[in-house]
Structure formats: structure tokens, C-alpha cells
C-alpha atoms as a PDB file:
ATOM      1  CA  MET A   1      11.659 -40.588   9.233  1.00  0.00           C
ATOM      2  CA  PRO A   2      15.185 -39.290   8.927  1.00  0.00           C
ATOM      3  CA  LYS A   3      16.340 -36.663  11.406  1.00  0.00           C
ATOM      4  CA  HIS A   4      17.002 -34.083   8.725  1.00  0.00           C
ATOM      5  CA  TYR A   5      13.418 -34.166   7.443  1.00  0.00           C
ATOM      6  CA  LYS A   6      11.598 -30.828   7.551  1.00  0.00           C
ATOM      7  CA  PRO A   7       7.914 -30.558   6.787  1.00  0.00           C
ATOM      8  CA  ARG A   8       7.117 -28.398   3.799  1.00  0.00           C
ATOM      9  CA  ARG A   9       5.950 -24.922   4.547  1.00  0.00           C
ATOM     10  CA  ARG A  10       2.985 -23.495   2.784  1.00  0.00           C
ATOM     11  CA  ARG A  11       3.597 -20.377   0.790  1.00  0.00           C
ATOM     12  CA  ARG A  12       1.697 -17.318   1.804  1.00  0.00           C
ATOM     13  CA  THR A  13      -0.863 -16.151  -0.671  1.00  0.00           C
ATOM     14  CA  PHE A  14      -1.622 -12.478  -0.676  1.00  0.00           C
ATOM     15  CA  ASP A  15      -4.718 -10.815  -1.979  1.00  0.00           C
ATOM     16  CA  ARG A  16      -3.132  -9.477  -5.112  1.00  0.00           C
ATOM     17  CA  ARG A  17      -4.640  -6.761  -7.169  1.00  0.00           C
ATOM     18  CA  PRO A  18      -4.221  -6.626 -10.915  1.00  0.00           C
ATOM     19  CA  LYS A  19      -0.703  -5.684 -11.972  1.00  0.00           C
ATOM     20  CA  PHE A  20      -1.435  -2.243 -13.336  1.00  0.00           C
ATOM     21  CA  CYS A  21      -0.721   1.095 -11.794  1.00  0.00           C
ATOM     22  CA  SER A  22      -3.876   3.165 -11.454  1.00  0.00           C
ATOM     23  CA  PHE A  23      -1.834   6.379 -11.523  1.00  0.00           C
ATOM     24  CA  CYS A  24      -0.098   5.407 -14.777  1.00  0.00           C
ATOM     25  CA  LYS A  25      -3.420   4.371 -16.273  1.00  0.00           C
ATOM     26  CA  GLN A  26      -5.087   7.697 -15.416  1.00  0.00           C
ATOM     27  CA  GLY A  27      -2.002   9.721 -16.275  1.00  0.00           C
ATOM     28  CA  GLU A  28      -1.777  11.554 -12.959  1.00  0.00           C
ATOM     29  CA  GLU A  29       0.513  11.718  -9.948  1.00  0.00           C
ATOM     30  CA  PRO A  30      -0.295  11.090  -6.255  1.00  0.00           C
ATOM     31  CA  ASP A  31      -1.108  14.393  -4.565  1.00  0.00           C
ATOM     32  CA  TYR A  32      -1.399  15.067  -0.836  1.00  0.00           C
ATOM     33  CA  LYS A  33      -4.476  17.271  -1.391  1.00  0.00           C
ATOM     34  CA  ASN A  34      -6.474  14.439  -2.979  1.00  0.00           C
ATOM     35  CA  VAL A  35      -7.417  12.689   0.259  1.00  0.00           C
ATOM     36  CA  LEU A  36     -10.046  10.409  -1.266  1.00  0.00           C
ATOM     37  CA  ALA A  37      -7.486   8.900  -3.646  1.00  0.00           C
ATOM     38  CA  LEU A  38      -4.949   8.453  -0.845  1.00  0.00           C
ATOM     39  CA  ARG A  39      -7.384   6.653   1.462  1.00  0.00           C
ATOM     40  CA  ARG A  40      -7.591   3.755  -0.979  1.00  0.00           C
ATOM     41  CA  PHE A  41      -3.948   2.966  -0.219  1.00  0.00           C
ATOM     42  CA  ILE A  42      -4.201   3.009   3.588  1.00  0.00           C
ATOM     43  CA  THR A  43      -5.388   0.112   5.753  1.00  0.00           C
ATOM     44  CA  ASP A  44      -8.122   0.449   8.351  1.00  0.00           C
ATOM     45  CA  ARG A  45      -5.395   0.892  10.995  1.00  0.00           C
ATOM     46  CA  GLY A  46      -3.688   3.680   9.077  1.00  0.00           C
ATOM     47  CA  LYS A  47      -0.781   1.766   7.543  1.00  0.00           C
ATOM     48  CA  ILE A  48       0.392   2.351   3.986  1.00  0.00           C
ATOM     49  CA  LEU A  49      -0.320  -0.621   1.712  1.00  0.00           C
ATOM     50  CA  ALA A  50       2.602  -2.441   0.141  1.00  0.00           C
ATOM     51  CA  ARG A  51       3.194  -2.472  -3.592  1.00  0.00           C
ATOM     52  CA  SER A  52       2.293  -6.147  -3.824  1.00  0.00           C
ATOM     53  CA  LYS A  53      -1.155  -5.443  -2.424  1.00  0.00           C
ATOM     54  CA  SER A  54      -1.882  -2.083  -4.018  1.00  0.00           C
ATOM     55  CA  GLY A  55      -0.580  -2.932  -7.508  1.00  0.00           C
ATOM     56  CA  ILE A  56       1.195   0.395  -7.971  1.00  0.00           C
ATOM     57  CA  CYS A  57       4.496   0.764  -9.806  1.00  0.00           C
ATOM     58  CA  ALA A  58       7.662   1.586  -7.832  1.00  0.00           C
ATOM     59  CA  LYS A  59       7.829   5.199  -9.002  1.00  0.00           C
ATOM     60  CA  HIS A  60       4.294   6.009  -7.916  1.00  0.00           C
ATOM     61  CA  GLN A  61       4.640   4.016  -4.681  1.00  0.00           C
ATOM     62  CA  ARG A  62       7.477   6.330  -3.623  1.00  0.00           C
ATOM     63  CA  GLN A  63       5.432   9.396  -4.560  1.00  0.00           C
ATOM     64  CA  LEU A  64       2.399   7.949  -2.764  1.00  0.00           C
ATOM     65  CA  LYS A  65       4.435   7.443   0.412  1.00  0.00           C
ATOM     66  CA  THR A  66       5.518  11.084   0.377  1.00  0.00           C
ATOM     67  CA  ALA A  67       1.991  12.320  -0.365  1.00  0.00           C
ATOM     68  CA  ILE A  68       0.484  10.282   2.494  1.00  0.00           C
ATOM     69  CA  LYS A  69       3.116  11.521   4.938  1.00  0.00           C
ATOM     70  CA  ARG A  70       2.491  15.145   3.888  1.00  0.00           C
ATOM     71  CA  ALA A  71      -1.253  14.700   4.273  1.00  0.00           C
ATOM     72  CA  ARG A  72      -0.723  13.266   7.759  1.00  0.00           C
ATOM     73  CA  ILE A  73       1.423  16.234   8.810  1.00  0.00           C
ATOM     74  CA  LEU A  74      -1.281  18.649   7.597  1.00  0.00           C
ATOM     75  CA  ALA A  75      -3.917  16.602   9.495  1.00  0.00           C
ATOM     76  CA  LEU A  76      -5.764  15.598   6.324  1.00  0.00           C
ATOM     77  CA  LEU A  77      -5.172  11.919   7.130  1.00  0.00           C
ATOM     78  CA  PRO A  78      -4.768  10.262  10.527  1.00  0.00           C
ATOM     79  CA  PHE A  79      -1.501   8.719  11.654  1.00  0.00           C
ATOM     80  CA  ILE A  80      -3.440   5.931  13.408  1.00  0.00           C
ATOM     81  CA  ARG A  81      -7.121   5.156  13.819  1.00  0.00           C
ATOM     82  CA  HIS A  82      -8.412   4.995  17.368  1.00  0.00           C
ATOM     83  CA  GLN A  83     -10.747   2.138  18.180  1.00  0.00           C
END
């Protein structure tokens, strides 16, 4: 084998959700008071899901981030989950 040979790397495959925004589909905006809706977009460790995994459009992802942070400050959602 030549010295400059690099083995091919496998591409990561993410668990992708369908490419539609649930907020656009329902015609509503993310709200910090709706804790049940916000919990769908948080991991079991308390991290906010990325757009590629949640399937939300960029506009609603920004609003979702703000809503989750507001809910955390008001103690409606945890910052981290203790194990």
C-alpha cells in the first residue's frame, strides 16, 4: 500500500425524524408554559435536541431554545437530570 493511503471513514447516520416542523404544521409557537411540548425536545440528560434530530425549522428552533431556557429559569424544566 502507498504511504498516502487513508482508510475510508464511515459516515455517521443520525436517527432523523421526518423533515416537517411540528410547530408549523399545528400553526403554533413554542411557549415556555407548555412544558409537555417542550419535554419532547430535551434529551434524558436535559440537553436541547439539535434541528437535525428534532426536525424543526430554524425559526422555531430558535424560539424553542428561548422557551426551554425560560422554563428552566422558572424551574418548570430541569437544567440537568440527576441520576
